Amino acid sequence: MSDSLKTYSPVDGTLYVERPYMSEDAIPGLLDTATAAQAEWKKKSVAERAEILTRCVANFESKKDKIGEELAWQMGRPVRYGAGEVGGFVERATYMISVAENALQPVAVDEKEGFTRYIKREPLGVVFTIAPWNFPYMTAVNSIVPALMAGNAVILKHATQTHLCGETMQQAFEEAGLPNGLFQLVTATHQFAASLIQSGRVDYVAFTGSVPGGAAMEKAATGQFIGVGLELGGKDPAYVRADADPAYAAENLVDGAMFNSGQSCCGIERIYVHEDVYDAFVDAVVKTVNGYVLGNPLDPETTLGPCVNAKAADFVRGQIKDAVAAGAKALIDPASFEADKEGTPYLAPQVLVDVDHTMRVMTEESFGPVVGIMKVSSDEEAINLMNDSEFGLTASVWTNDEAAAIEIGDQVNTGTWFMNRCDYLDPALAWTGVKNSGRGCTLSTVGYESLTRPKSYHLRTKI
C-alpha cells in the first residue's frame, strides 16, 4: 500500500493532491486532544455554540469561488454548479443550528409532588465522521455541524478523492474561532479508520458511502457498543402517473438523473411511466438530455462533467452494453457528445427504454449518467416495481393528485417520499433510508437523537 494519499483529477488524470498517511501511533494523541477539547466545549451553552458555529459557516461560505474550482479538479463537478454545493452546506448547517436549542432541551415529564424529574440530552463525546467524494461538503455537514452543536468533538476522515475538502472545512472553522482540537481531520487508510473505531474511545460513527463500506463500519464497531449511522446506496425510482405533466416531469427527472453526472445516492436511476403519457414523456426526456454539454468541468459552458474516474465510467458503460444486448434500446447517440471516450471518465448521458428488472441497469446502483424508463399500466404495477429493489433511500411520484400521492407513498418502502420533486434533501426532514440504503437518521430535530444520550434526573426535593 502507498504511504501517501493521492488524489488524481478526473479532469486530466494528473495528481492533484498528495498527503502522507498518518501512522496508527497517532491515534492516542488524536483522541486525547478530542476528549480534552470536548470536555470544555460541552460546558458552553447551546447559544454560545451556535454563535461560534454561525461564524464558522459564514467563513466557509466566503470561500465559495475557491471551493467550486477545487470541486471541479477533485471530482469533476462543473464550476457553474460549485456554488450550489456551498449553498446546500450553508442551508443544512444554518437550519441545524437554528433548531438545536429546541431539539436539545431537556425532556419534561409529568409533575410529581416532592420530586423534580427530567431527561437531559448529553453529548456522546467523540464523533467519527467518514465522508464520501460525490457531495463532499453537503454529506459531511449532515453529521459534523449537528455533532458540534450537541456538544461533541468531531474527527473527520474524508474520501481520498476529496481530502482537500476536509482541509478547507477545517481551516474555515478554525479561522472563525472554533476551539482547537474540537474538529480534527485525519489523513487515514481504511485500517487506520478501523483501528480508531476499535480504540474504545470513539462514541459514534457517521458513515456515508457504499454498502460494502457500511458493512465494514459495522464490523469495526462490533463489541464497542456504540451507534453507527449508515447512509449507503440507492436505486431511486420515480413514477409518472397518467395525470402528470409529462414535460414538467421530464425536465425535473432528467436533472435528478444527470446532475453531478448521476453520482448521487438519491439521484433518479429508474423511471416508471403510465402508458397514457409514456410517449410524450420519453420524447421530452430525450430532448432535454440532448441539450447537455459534456466536457471539461472548468469550462463555464459545461453542464455535464466527467465521472469521478475511468473505472466508474466503464462500470456504467458495461451496464448499458449489457442492457442493449438483452433487448433494451438506447435513445441517445454518444457521438453527439464529442468528449465521450472509452477508457476515460468522460461518459455521454444515456436513456434506455424497453428495459426490465432482469437487467443490471434497473437493479444495481449505477452512480452515473444513465436512466432506464419502463411503461406501466397502473399504480399497482408501479408500486410493485418501485419496491423491487434492495435499496430504499428516496422515491417520487409525479401527479396532480395529492391524496393519491400519499396513498401510493404509504405503500412504497423508502426513507423519503417526494411528490413532484426529487434529488433534494430538506434539512427540516429526517434523512434516512431502509433496506440496503442504511440505518439511522441525520438532519431535522430527529437527527440530534443519535448524537446525544439520555440522562435521567430523579431528584427528591421533600424528605
Protein backbone atom coordinates (compact mmCIF):
# COMPACT_ATOMS: atom_id res chain seq x y z
CA MET A 1 0.00 0.00 0.00
CA SER A 2 1.18 3.54 -0.75
CA ASP A 3 2.43 5.58 2.20
CA SER A 4 0.56 8.65 0.99
CA LEU A 5 -2.94 9.70 -0.02
CA LYS A 6 -3.11 10.61 -3.70
CA THR A 7 -5.96 12.37 -5.48
CA TYR A 8 -5.92 12.07 -9.27
CA SER A 9 -8.11 14.58 -11.05
CA PRO A 10 -10.81 13.27 -13.41
CA VAL A 11 -10.28 16.44 -15.48
CA ASP A 12 -6.98 15.27 -16.97
CA GLY A 13 -5.69 12.39 -14.85
CA THR A 14 -2.97 14.44 -13.15
CA LEU A 15 -2.01 14.12 -9.48
CA TYR A 16 -3.88 16.98 -7.79
CA VAL A 17 -3.37 16.34 -4.05
CA GLU A 18 -0.85 14.22 -2.12
CA ARG A 19 -0.64 13.93 1.66
CA PRO A 20 1.28 11.46 3.87
CA TYR A 21 -0.89 8.97 5.71
CA MET A 22 -1.00 9.27 9.47
CA SER A 23 0.52 6.46 11.50
CA GLU A 24 -1.70 4.49 13.84
CA ASP A 25 0.71 5.59 16.58
CA ALA A 26 -1.02 8.99 16.30
CA ILE A 27 -4.42 7.63 17.39
CA PRO A 28 -3.98 8.01 21.19
CA GLY A 29 -2.84 11.62 20.86
CA LEU A 30 -5.63 12.38 18.40
CA LEU A 31 -8.21 11.07 20.86
CA ASP A 32 -6.60 12.77 23.84
CA THR A 33 -6.88 16.09 22.01
CA ALA A 34 -10.51 15.46 21.02
CA THR A 35 -11.52 14.36 24.51
CA ALA A 36 -9.91 17.38 26.19
CA ALA A 37 -11.48 19.81 23.72
CA GLN A 38 -14.89 18.19 24.09
CA ALA A 39 -14.77 18.38 27.89
CA GLU A 40 -14.56 22.19 27.65
CA TRP A 41 -16.91 22.56 24.67
CA LYS A 42 -19.80 20.74 26.35
CA LYS A 43 -19.73 23.32 29.14
CA LYS A 44 -20.75 26.03 26.70
CA SER A 45 -24.44 26.76 26.29
CA VAL A 46 -26.21 25.88 23.08
CA ALA A 47 -26.46 29.59 22.32
CA GLU A 48 -22.69 30.01 22.71
CA ARG A 49 -22.01 27.06 20.41
CA ALA A 50 -24.49 28.48 17.89
CA GLU A 51 -22.71 31.84 17.84
CA ILE A 52 -19.34 30.24 17.12
CA LEU A 53 -20.64 27.80 14.52
CA THR A 54 -22.59 30.51 12.74
CA ARG A 55 -19.29 32.36 12.28
CA CYS A 56 -17.72 29.12 11.02
CA VAL A 57 -20.43 28.66 8.40
CA ALA A 58 -20.17 32.29 7.25
CA ASN A 59 -16.41 31.99 6.85
CA PHE A 60 -16.83 28.78 4.89
CA GLU A 61 -19.36 30.45 2.59
CA SER A 62 -16.93 33.27 1.86
CA LYS A 63 -14.64 30.76 0.13
CA LYS A 64 -17.24 29.56 -2.39
CA ASP A 65 -15.32 30.53 -5.53
CA LYS A 66 -12.22 28.65 -4.41
CA ILE A 67 -14.35 25.71 -3.32
CA GLY A 68 -16.11 25.48 -6.70
CA GLU A 69 -12.84 25.27 -8.61
CA GLU A 70 -11.40 22.70 -6.19
CA LEU A 71 -14.51 20.55 -6.60
CA ALA A 72 -14.08 20.56 -10.37
CA TRP A 73 -10.50 19.39 -10.11
CA GLN A 74 -11.15 16.79 -7.41
CA MET A 75 -14.35 15.10 -8.56
CA GLY A 76 -15.43 16.67 -11.86
CA ARG A 77 -18.35 18.89 -10.82
CA PRO A 78 -18.75 21.69 -13.40
CA VAL A 79 -17.71 25.05 -11.95
CA ARG A 80 -21.09 26.51 -12.87
CA TYR A 81 -22.60 24.31 -10.13
CA GLY A 82 -19.90 24.72 -7.48
CA ALA A 83 -21.79 27.41 -5.59
CA GLY A 84 -24.71 25.00 -5.19
CA GLU A 85 -22.62 22.71 -3.02
CA VAL A 86 -21.71 25.63 -0.80
CA GLY A 87 -25.33 26.78 -0.69
CA GLY A 88 -26.50 23.32 0.34
CA PHE A 89 -23.88 23.18 3.08
CA VAL A 90 -24.96 26.57 4.41
CA GLU A 91 -28.67 25.70 4.26
CA ARG A 92 -28.24 22.49 6.21
CA ALA A 93 -25.80 23.91 8.75
CA THR A 94 -27.91 27.02 9.35
CA TYR A 95 -31.07 25.01 9.86
CA MET A 96 -29.48 22.55 12.28
CA ILE A 97 -28.00 25.43 14.28
CA SER A 98 -31.40 27.16 14.38
CA VAL A 99 -33.29 24.14 15.79
CA ALA A 100 -30.62 22.98 18.23
CA GLU A 101 -31.91 24.95 21.21
CA ASN A 102 -35.31 23.28 20.96
CA ALA A 103 -34.02 19.84 19.96
CA LEU A 104 -31.54 19.70 22.84
CA GLN A 105 -33.94 20.90 25.54
CA PRO A 106 -34.40 18.51 28.46
CA VAL A 107 -37.45 16.28 28.12
CA ALA A 108 -40.06 17.25 30.69
CA VAL A 109 -42.11 14.59 32.45
CA ASP A 110 -45.34 14.87 34.45
CA GLU A 111 -45.03 16.70 37.74
CA LYS A 112 -44.84 14.56 40.85
CA GLU A 113 -45.15 16.10 44.30
CA GLY A 114 -41.88 16.09 46.17
CA PHE A 115 -39.75 15.38 43.11
CA THR A 116 -38.05 17.14 40.23
CA ARG A 117 -37.72 14.88 37.22
CA TYR A 118 -36.44 15.40 33.69
CA ILE A 119 -34.36 13.79 30.99
CA LYS A 120 -31.29 15.69 29.87
CA ARG A 121 -29.71 15.22 26.43
CA GLU A 122 -26.00 14.68 26.98
CA PRO A 123 -23.37 14.81 24.21
CA LEU A 124 -21.84 11.45 23.35
CA GLY A 125 -18.21 12.57 23.35
CA VAL A 126 -16.23 11.90 20.16
CA VAL A 127 -18.00 11.50 16.81
CA PHE A 128 -16.09 9.98 13.89
CA THR A 129 -17.44 11.14 10.52
CA ILE A 130 -16.42 9.37 7.32
CA ALA A 131 -17.48 11.40 4.29
CA PRO A 132 -17.76 10.50 0.57
CA TRP A 133 -16.50 12.27 -2.52
CA ASN A 134 -19.69 12.77 -4.52
CA PHE A 135 -21.16 15.61 -2.42
CA PRO A 136 -18.15 16.18 -0.20
CA TYR A 137 -19.46 19.14 1.78
CA MET A 138 -23.21 18.52 1.85
CA THR A 139 -22.82 14.96 3.13
CA ALA A 140 -20.17 15.84 5.71
CA VAL A 141 -22.18 18.72 7.17
CA ASN A 142 -25.10 16.40 7.94
CA SER A 143 -23.25 15.00 10.94
CA ILE A 144 -20.43 17.48 11.64
CA VAL A 145 -22.40 20.61 12.49
CA PRO A 146 -25.15 18.83 14.50
CA ALA A 147 -22.50 16.83 16.38
CA LEU A 148 -20.67 20.02 17.34
CA MET A 149 -23.91 21.80 18.23
CA ALA A 150 -24.81 18.90 20.52
CA GLY A 151 -21.53 19.35 22.41
CA ASN A 152 -19.39 16.66 20.81
CA ALA A 153 -15.90 16.71 19.31
CA VAL A 154 -15.58 15.54 15.70
CA ILE A 155 -12.88 13.63 13.87
CA LEU A 156 -13.30 13.64 10.08
CA LYS A 157 -11.91 11.21 7.55
CA HIS A 158 -12.71 12.43 4.07
CA ALA A 159 -12.63 10.38 0.89
CA THR A 160 -9.29 10.08 -0.88
CA GLN A 161 -10.76 11.83 -3.92
CA THR A 162 -11.86 14.88 -1.92
CA HIS A 163 -9.49 15.05 1.04
CA LEU A 164 -8.83 18.70 0.25
CA CYS A 165 -12.48 19.44 1.06
CA GLY A 166 -11.82 18.32 4.62
CA GLU A 167 -8.84 20.64 4.83
CA THR A 168 -10.86 23.56 3.51
CA MET A 169 -13.65 22.94 6.01
CA GLN A 170 -11.29 22.55 8.96
CA GLN A 171 -9.38 25.69 8.01
CA ALA A 172 -12.57 27.74 7.63
CA PHE A 173 -13.82 26.65 11.06
CA GLU A 174 -10.52 27.27 12.82
CA GLU A 175 -10.20 30.73 11.25
CA ALA A 176 -13.66 31.57 12.59
CA GLY A 177 -12.72 30.67 16.15
CA LEU A 178 -13.75 27.05 16.67
CA PRO A 179 -11.69 25.83 19.66
CA ASN A 180 -8.51 23.95 18.79
CA GLY A 181 -8.82 20.17 18.74
CA LEU A 182 -12.60 20.15 18.58
CA PHE A 183 -12.71 19.37 14.85
CA GLN A 184 -9.79 17.32 13.56
CA LEU A 185 -9.10 15.93 10.10
CA VAL A 186 -7.20 12.68 9.62
CA THR A 187 -5.33 11.52 6.54
CA ALA A 188 -6.06 7.89 7.06
CA THR A 189 -6.11 4.47 5.47
CA HIS A 190 -9.09 2.15 5.89
CA GLN A 191 -7.12 0.22 8.53
CA PHE A 192 -6.40 3.43 10.43
CA ALA A 193 -10.14 4.18 10.45
CA ALA A 194 -10.93 0.68 11.72
CA SER A 195 -8.32 0.98 14.47
CA LEU A 196 -9.70 4.36 15.51
CA ILE A 197 -13.20 2.88 15.82
CA GLN A 198 -11.83 -0.08 17.77
CA SER A 199 -9.91 2.13 20.18
CA GLY A 200 -12.76 2.14 22.68
CA ARG A 201 -12.72 5.95 22.73
CA VAL A 202 -14.95 6.80 19.76
CA ASP A 203 -18.59 7.21 20.77
CA TYR A 204 -20.38 7.33 17.41
CA VAL A 205 -19.59 6.66 13.75
CA ALA A 206 -21.35 8.57 10.97
CA PHE A 207 -20.59 6.93 7.63
CA THR A 208 -21.75 7.85 4.13
CA GLY A 209 -20.67 5.55 1.31
CA SER A 210 -21.15 2.16 -0.28
CA VAL A 211 -22.97 -0.88 1.09
CA PRO A 212 -19.68 -2.83 1.48
CA GLY A 213 -18.22 0.20 3.24
CA GLY A 214 -21.16 0.25 5.63
CA ALA A 215 -20.68 -3.44 6.39
CA ALA A 216 -17.02 -2.70 7.17
CA MET A 217 -18.08 0.04 9.61
CA GLU A 218 -20.43 -2.30 11.45
CA LYS A 219 -17.72 -4.96 11.62
CA ALA A 220 -15.18 -2.49 13.00
CA ALA A 221 -17.66 -1.33 15.65
CA THR A 222 -18.59 -4.85 16.77
CA GLY A 223 -18.23 -5.10 20.53
CA GLN A 224 -17.76 -1.36 21.01
CA PHE A 225 -21.42 -0.78 21.97
CA ILE A 226 -21.58 2.46 20.02
CA GLY A 227 -24.00 3.83 17.48
CA VAL A 228 -23.21 3.56 13.78
CA GLY A 229 -25.16 5.75 11.37
CA LEU A 230 -25.06 4.49 7.79
CA GLU A 231 -26.15 6.42 4.69
CA LEU A 232 -25.46 3.99 1.89
CA GLY A 233 -26.54 3.40 -1.71
CA GLY A 234 -29.69 3.98 -3.67
CA LYS A 235 -31.52 2.94 -6.80
CA ASP A 236 -34.13 5.62 -6.51
CA PRO A 237 -37.32 5.26 -8.58
CA ALA A 238 -39.83 7.72 -9.94
CA TYR A 239 -43.39 7.10 -11.07
CA VAL A 240 -45.05 9.40 -13.60
CA ARG A 241 -48.82 8.97 -13.31
CA ALA A 242 -51.34 9.44 -16.10
CA ASP A 243 -52.41 12.84 -14.71
CA ALA A 244 -48.87 14.26 -14.61
CA ASP A 245 -47.50 16.99 -16.86
CA PRO A 246 -45.01 14.94 -18.90
CA ALA A 247 -42.86 17.93 -19.90
CA TYR A 248 -42.50 19.17 -16.32
CA ALA A 249 -41.79 15.67 -15.04
CA ALA A 250 -39.22 15.06 -17.76
CA GLU A 251 -37.34 18.31 -17.12
CA ASN A 252 -37.05 17.65 -13.40
CA LEU A 253 -36.39 13.93 -13.59
CA VAL A 254 -33.60 14.38 -16.13
CA ASP A 255 -31.97 16.83 -13.75
CA GLY A 256 -32.46 14.32 -10.93
CA ALA A 257 -30.83 11.60 -13.02
CA MET A 258 -27.98 13.54 -14.63
CA PHE A 259 -26.90 16.18 -12.12
CA ASN A 260 -23.38 15.54 -10.82
CA SER A 261 -23.04 13.07 -13.71
CA GLY A 262 -25.58 10.86 -11.95
CA GLN A 263 -23.24 10.40 -8.99
CA SER A 264 -25.81 10.92 -6.26
CA CYS A 265 -27.08 8.36 -3.78
CA CYS A 266 -30.55 9.90 -4.11
CA GLY A 267 -30.37 10.52 -7.86
CA ILE A 268 -33.05 9.11 -10.14
CA GLU A 269 -31.92 5.77 -11.58
CA ARG A 270 -35.18 4.22 -12.83
CA ILE A 271 -38.46 5.71 -14.03
CA TYR A 272 -41.88 4.07 -14.41
CA VAL A 273 -44.33 5.93 -16.65
CA HIS A 274 -48.03 5.37 -17.16
CA GLU A 275 -48.80 4.29 -20.71
CA ASP A 276 -51.10 7.28 -21.27
CA VAL A 277 -48.19 9.78 -21.04
CA TYR A 278 -45.29 7.47 -21.87
CA ASP A 279 -44.54 8.63 -25.42
CA ALA A 280 -44.76 12.34 -24.58
CA PHE A 281 -42.58 11.84 -21.52
CA VAL A 282 -39.88 9.88 -23.35
CA ASP A 283 -39.76 12.44 -26.15
CA ALA A 284 -39.30 15.25 -23.61
CA VAL A 285 -36.57 13.32 -21.79
CA VAL A 286 -34.58 12.72 -24.97
CA LYS A 287 -34.84 16.37 -25.99
CA THR A 288 -33.65 17.51 -22.55
CA VAL A 289 -30.73 15.07 -22.36
CA ASN A 290 -29.52 16.01 -25.82
CA GLY A 291 -29.21 19.57 -24.58
CA TYR A 292 -26.43 18.71 -22.13
CA VAL A 293 -22.84 19.76 -22.79
CA LEU A 294 -20.29 17.12 -21.77
CA GLY A 295 -16.81 18.48 -21.23
CA ASN A 296 -14.12 19.93 -19.01
CA PRO A 297 -15.76 20.95 -15.72
CA LEU A 298 -13.59 24.07 -15.59
CA ASP A 299 -15.39 25.40 -18.68
CA PRO A 300 -18.39 27.53 -17.64
CA GLU A 301 -20.35 26.16 -20.63
CA THR A 302 -20.08 22.55 -19.41
CA THR A 303 -23.26 21.17 -17.86
CA LEU A 304 -22.12 17.54 -17.55
CA GLY A 305 -18.66 16.82 -16.20
CA PRO A 306 -16.68 13.57 -16.15
CA CYS A 307 -17.39 10.70 -13.81
CA VAL A 308 -15.05 10.54 -10.84
CA ASN A 309 -12.67 8.19 -12.69
CA ALA A 310 -12.48 5.92 -15.73
CA LYS A 311 -13.38 2.84 -13.68
CA ALA A 312 -16.69 4.39 -12.62
CA ALA A 313 -17.48 5.41 -16.19
CA ASP A 314 -16.60 1.97 -17.54
CA PHE A 315 -18.91 0.35 -14.97
CA VAL A 316 -21.84 2.34 -16.36
CA ARG A 317 -20.78 1.62 -19.94
CA GLY A 318 -20.90 -2.07 -19.03
CA GLN A 319 -24.43 -1.78 -17.63
CA ILE A 320 -25.57 -0.03 -20.81
CA LYS A 321 -23.95 -2.59 -23.12
CA ASP A 322 -25.43 -5.49 -21.16
CA ALA A 323 -28.91 -3.94 -21.29
CA VAL A 324 -28.75 -3.31 -25.02
CA ALA A 325 -27.55 -6.87 -25.60
CA ALA A 326 -30.58 -8.07 -23.61
CA GLY A 327 -33.05 -6.07 -25.75
CA ALA A 328 -33.01 -2.53 -24.37
CA LYS A 329 -32.93 0.42 -26.75
CA ALA A 330 -30.52 3.32 -26.24
CA LEU A 331 -32.09 6.62 -27.27
CA ILE A 332 -29.04 8.88 -27.03
CA ASP A 333 -26.25 8.80 -29.64
CA PRO A 334 -22.91 9.06 -27.78
CA ALA A 335 -21.38 10.51 -30.94
CA SER A 336 -23.35 13.66 -30.22
CA PHE A 337 -21.10 14.18 -27.19
CA GLU A 338 -17.62 14.73 -28.55
CA ALA A 339 -15.87 14.38 -25.17
CA ASP A 340 -17.22 10.83 -24.68
CA LYS A 341 -14.31 8.40 -24.96
CA GLU A 342 -13.96 4.77 -23.89
CA GLY A 343 -11.44 4.28 -21.12
CA THR A 344 -11.80 7.84 -19.80
CA PRO A 345 -14.05 9.39 -17.14
CA TYR A 346 -15.92 11.31 -19.84
CA LEU A 347 -19.18 9.47 -20.45
CA ALA A 348 -22.13 10.58 -22.58
CA PRO A 349 -25.53 10.55 -20.85
CA GLN A 350 -27.84 7.73 -21.81
CA VAL A 351 -31.57 6.95 -21.71
CA LEU A 352 -32.72 3.36 -22.08
CA VAL A 353 -36.19 2.05 -22.92
CA ASP A 354 -37.52 -1.48 -23.37
CA VAL A 355 -35.80 -2.30 -20.08
CA ASP A 356 -36.90 -4.68 -17.32
CA HIS A 357 -35.71 -5.90 -13.96
CA THR A 358 -33.65 -8.73 -15.38
CA MET A 359 -31.14 -6.06 -16.45
CA ARG A 360 -28.41 -4.80 -14.11
CA VAL A 361 -29.09 -1.20 -15.07
CA MET A 362 -32.51 -1.46 -13.41
CA THR A 363 -31.45 -3.26 -10.24
CA GLU A 364 -27.87 -2.41 -9.23
CA GLU A 365 -26.72 1.10 -8.40
CA SER A 366 -25.32 2.82 -11.49
CA PHE A 367 -23.95 6.04 -9.99
CA GLY A 368 -23.58 7.51 -13.44
CA PRO A 369 -25.45 9.46 -16.15
CA VAL A 370 -27.86 6.74 -17.24
CA VAL A 371 -31.54 6.11 -16.58
CA GLY A 372 -33.94 3.37 -17.62
CA ILE A 373 -37.62 4.04 -18.40
CA MET A 374 -40.38 1.42 -18.20
CA LYS A 375 -44.01 1.68 -19.28
CA VAL A 376 -46.67 0.69 -16.71
CA SER A 377 -50.44 0.44 -16.84
CA SER A 378 -51.46 1.09 -13.20
CA ASP A 379 -50.46 2.45 -9.82
CA GLU A 380 -50.22 -1.11 -8.51
CA GLU A 381 -47.73 -2.11 -11.17
CA ALA A 382 -45.61 0.96 -10.45
CA ILE A 383 -45.65 0.32 -6.70
CA ASN A 384 -44.51 -3.28 -7.15
CA LEU A 385 -41.67 -2.21 -9.43
CA MET A 386 -40.55 0.61 -7.14
CA ASN A 387 -40.39 -1.82 -4.22
CA ASP A 388 -38.50 -4.42 -6.26
CA SER A 389 -35.09 -3.24 -5.06
CA GLU A 390 -32.54 -3.92 -2.34
CA PHE A 391 -32.41 -0.17 -1.73
CA GLY A 392 -34.82 2.37 -0.26
CA LEU A 393 -33.45 5.88 0.09
CA THR A 394 -35.89 8.13 -1.80
CA ALA A 395 -38.71 7.67 -4.31
CA SER A 396 -41.01 10.11 -6.06
CA VAL A 397 -44.40 10.33 -7.73
CA TRP A 398 -45.38 12.87 -10.38
CA THR A 399 -49.05 13.67 -10.22
CA ASN A 400 -51.62 16.41 -9.63
CA ASP A 401 -53.45 14.32 -7.02
CA GLU A 402 -52.00 14.82 -3.53
CA ALA A 403 -54.30 12.21 -1.96
CA ALA A 404 -53.14 9.63 -4.49
CA ALA A 405 -49.52 10.60 -3.85
CA ILE A 406 -49.93 9.97 -0.12
CA GLU A 407 -51.77 6.70 -0.68
CA ILE A 408 -49.06 5.43 -3.03
CA GLY A 409 -46.31 6.70 -0.74
CA ASP A 410 -47.72 4.71 2.15
CA GLN A 411 -47.06 1.57 0.11
CA VAL A 412 -43.54 2.34 -1.09
CA ASN A 413 -40.58 1.21 1.02
CA THR A 414 -38.41 4.30 1.17
CA GLY A 415 -36.83 6.78 3.57
CA THR A 416 -38.15 9.90 1.80
CA TRP A 417 -41.22 10.11 -0.42
CA PHE A 418 -41.48 13.03 -2.85
CA MET A 419 -44.34 14.44 -4.89
CA ASN A 420 -43.35 16.46 -7.97
CA ARG A 421 -39.71 16.82 -6.92
CA CYS A 422 -36.67 14.61 -6.49
CA ASP A 423 -32.97 14.50 -5.64
CA TYR A 424 -33.29 17.08 -2.88
CA LEU A 425 -32.64 16.98 0.83
CA ASP A 426 -34.76 19.21 3.07
CA PRO A 427 -32.86 19.72 6.35
CA ALA A 428 -36.14 20.08 8.25
CA LEU A 429 -36.94 16.44 7.42
CA ALA A 430 -35.25 13.29 8.65
CA TRP A 431 -32.69 11.95 6.18
CA THR A 432 -32.86 8.20 6.43
CA GLY A 433 -33.08 5.02 4.38
CA VAL A 434 -34.42 1.49 4.57
CA LYS A 435 -33.07 -1.86 3.42
CA ASN A 436 -29.54 -1.57 2.00
CA SER A 437 -29.77 2.21 1.92
CA GLY A 438 -28.69 2.18 5.54
CA ARG A 439 -29.82 2.82 9.08
CA GLY A 440 -30.09 5.77 11.43
CA CYS A 441 -31.00 9.36 10.68
CA THR A 442 -29.36 12.72 10.13
CA LEU A 443 -30.79 16.25 9.97
CA SER A 444 -34.10 17.55 11.35
CA THR A 445 -34.65 17.68 15.09
CA VAL A 446 -34.75 13.88 15.00
CA GLY A 447 -31.13 13.85 13.82
CA TYR A 448 -29.98 15.12 17.21
CA GLU A 449 -31.23 11.97 18.91
CA SER A 450 -28.36 9.81 17.63
CA LEU A 451 -25.75 12.44 18.61
CA THR A 452 -26.84 12.61 22.26
CA ARG A 453 -27.65 10.17 25.03
CA PRO A 454 -30.49 10.49 27.54
CA LYS A 455 -29.55 11.13 31.16
CA SER A 456 -32.35 10.99 33.70
CA TYR A 457 -32.52 13.34 36.70
CA HIS A 458 -34.62 11.99 39.57
CA LEU A 459 -34.46 14.48 42.48
CA ARG A 460 -36.38 14.02 45.76
CA THR A 461 -37.00 17.57 46.96
CA LYS A 462 -39.02 16.76 50.10
CA ILE A 463 -37.70 14.44 52.82
